[in-house]
Amino acid sequence: MTAKTIWPYILTMAAVTYLIRMLPLTLVRGKIRSRFVRSFLFYVPYAVLAAMTIPAVFTSAGSVGASVVGFVVAVLLALAGAPLLPVALAACAAAYLAGLVGGWMG
């Protein structure tokens, strides 16, 4: 890709990003009164974060088996109320050990 052909892509991406951020500010003037819309907008960031994170969780360890072990450990520790850093470290260690023991490491 040359410098001449990349500029239309960059400008299109800039315009789309700008419109996505500008349109809600100009179209929604007052406070949103609908409980449904407010509830929907409240959960959008969590849904997007989950949609971006979950596929990476199951492909990060090099095998689905080791990733599932790490995921299960993370969920159990999180449900038990453990802090974020220990949950992340334990999930990484569990996935690594499952990969070693199960022979799933590439």
Protein backbone atom coordinates (compact mmCIF):
# COMPACT_ATOMS: atom_id res chain seq x y z
CA MET A 1 0.00 0.00 0.00
CA THR A 2 1.49 3.33 -1.02
CA ALA A 3 1.11 6.72 0.62
CA LYS A 4 -1.33 7.82 -2.09
CA THR A 5 -3.68 4.89 -1.56
CA ILE A 6 -3.71 4.92 2.23
CA TRP A 7 -5.02 8.49 2.69
CA PRO A 8 -8.63 7.73 1.68
CA TYR A 9 -8.72 4.96 4.29
CA ILE A 10 -7.32 7.20 7.01
CA LEU A 11 -9.75 10.02 6.18
CA THR A 12 -12.71 7.62 6.12
CA MET A 13 -11.74 6.18 9.50
CA ALA A 14 -11.35 9.70 10.93
CA ALA A 15 -14.76 10.77 9.61
CA VAL A 16 -16.52 7.68 10.96
CA THR A 17 -14.87 8.05 14.36
CA TYR A 18 -15.81 11.73 14.51
CA LEU A 19 -19.41 11.07 13.50
CA ILE A 20 -19.83 8.32 16.08
CA ARG A 21 -18.73 10.69 18.82
CA MET A 22 -20.43 13.85 17.52
CA LEU A 23 -23.89 12.58 16.56
CA PRO A 24 -25.07 11.63 20.07
CA LEU A 25 -24.04 15.06 21.36
CA THR A 26 -26.00 16.88 18.68
CA LEU A 27 -29.06 14.62 18.43
CA VAL A 28 -29.72 14.06 22.14
CA ARG A 29 -30.19 17.46 23.75
CA GLY A 30 -32.03 16.74 26.98
CA LYS A 31 -31.93 14.10 29.63
CA ILE A 32 -32.95 10.63 28.47
CA ARG A 33 -36.13 9.82 30.37
CA SER A 34 -36.86 6.33 29.05
CA ARG A 35 -35.85 3.71 31.59
CA PHE A 36 -35.33 1.15 28.84
CA VAL A 37 -32.97 3.36 26.81
CA ARG A 38 -31.03 4.43 29.91
CA SER A 39 -30.70 0.80 30.99
CA PHE A 40 -29.63 -0.22 27.48
CA LEU A 41 -26.99 2.53 27.30
CA PHE A 42 -25.73 1.65 30.78
CA TYR A 43 -24.90 -1.93 29.77
CA VAL A 44 -23.45 -1.23 26.30
CA PRO A 45 -19.83 -0.76 27.51
CA TYR A 46 -19.95 -4.04 29.46
CA ALA A 47 -21.40 -5.93 26.51
CA VAL A 48 -18.80 -4.54 24.11
CA LEU A 49 -15.97 -5.32 26.52
CA ALA A 50 -17.23 -8.89 26.93
CA ALA A 51 -17.63 -9.32 23.17
CA MET A 52 -14.03 -8.22 22.63
CA THR A 53 -12.52 -10.12 25.57
CA ILE A 54 -14.19 -13.54 25.58
CA PRO A 55 -12.89 -14.70 22.17
CA ALA A 56 -9.37 -13.69 23.19
CA VAL A 57 -9.68 -15.61 26.45
CA PHE A 58 -10.29 -18.90 24.66
CA THR A 59 -7.52 -18.46 22.10
CA SER A 60 -4.80 -16.89 24.24
CA ALA A 61 -3.26 -20.02 25.78
CA GLY A 62 -2.59 -21.74 22.48
CA SER A 63 -5.24 -24.37 23.07
CA VAL A 64 -8.87 -24.26 24.03
CA GLY A 65 -8.40 -26.85 26.79
CA ALA A 66 -5.80 -24.84 28.70
CA SER A 67 -7.83 -21.68 28.14
CA VAL A 68 -10.96 -23.27 29.58
CA VAL A 69 -9.05 -24.34 32.69
CA GLY A 70 -7.76 -20.80 33.20
CA PHE A 71 -11.23 -19.36 32.58
CA VAL A 72 -12.86 -21.70 35.10
CA VAL A 73 -10.25 -20.84 37.73
CA ALA A 74 -10.78 -17.13 37.11
CA VAL A 75 -14.56 -17.39 37.36
CA LEU A 76 -14.42 -19.42 40.58
CA LEU A 77 -11.97 -17.04 42.24
CA ALA A 78 -13.94 -14.00 41.11
CA LEU A 79 -17.17 -15.48 42.46
CA ALA A 80 -15.38 -16.14 45.75
CA GLY A 81 -14.57 -12.42 45.96
CA ALA A 82 -10.84 -12.50 45.23
CA PRO A 83 -9.20 -9.26 44.02
CA LEU A 84 -8.47 -8.74 40.33
CA LEU A 85 -4.69 -9.23 40.35
CA PRO A 86 -4.72 -12.58 42.19
CA VAL A 87 -7.55 -13.78 39.92
CA ALA A 88 -5.56 -12.88 36.80
CA LEU A 89 -2.34 -14.41 38.10
CA ALA A 90 -4.06 -17.62 39.20
CA ALA A 91 -5.86 -17.94 35.86
CA CYS A 92 -2.60 -17.49 33.96
CA ALA A 93 -0.82 -20.01 36.16
CA ALA A 94 -3.68 -22.51 35.85
CA ALA A 95 -3.76 -22.21 32.06
CA TYR A 96 0.02 -22.59 31.88
CA LEU A 97 0.07 -25.64 34.15
CA ALA A 98 -2.88 -27.20 32.34
CA GLY A 99 -1.01 -26.74 29.10
CA LEU A 100 2.11 -28.37 30.52
CA VAL A 101 0.33 -31.26 32.23
CA GLY A 102 -2.17 -31.88 29.45
CA GLY A 103 0.41 -31.52 26.71
CA TRP A 104 -1.59 -28.72 25.11
CA MET A 105 1.30 -26.31 24.75
CA GLY A 106 2.50 -25.85 21.21
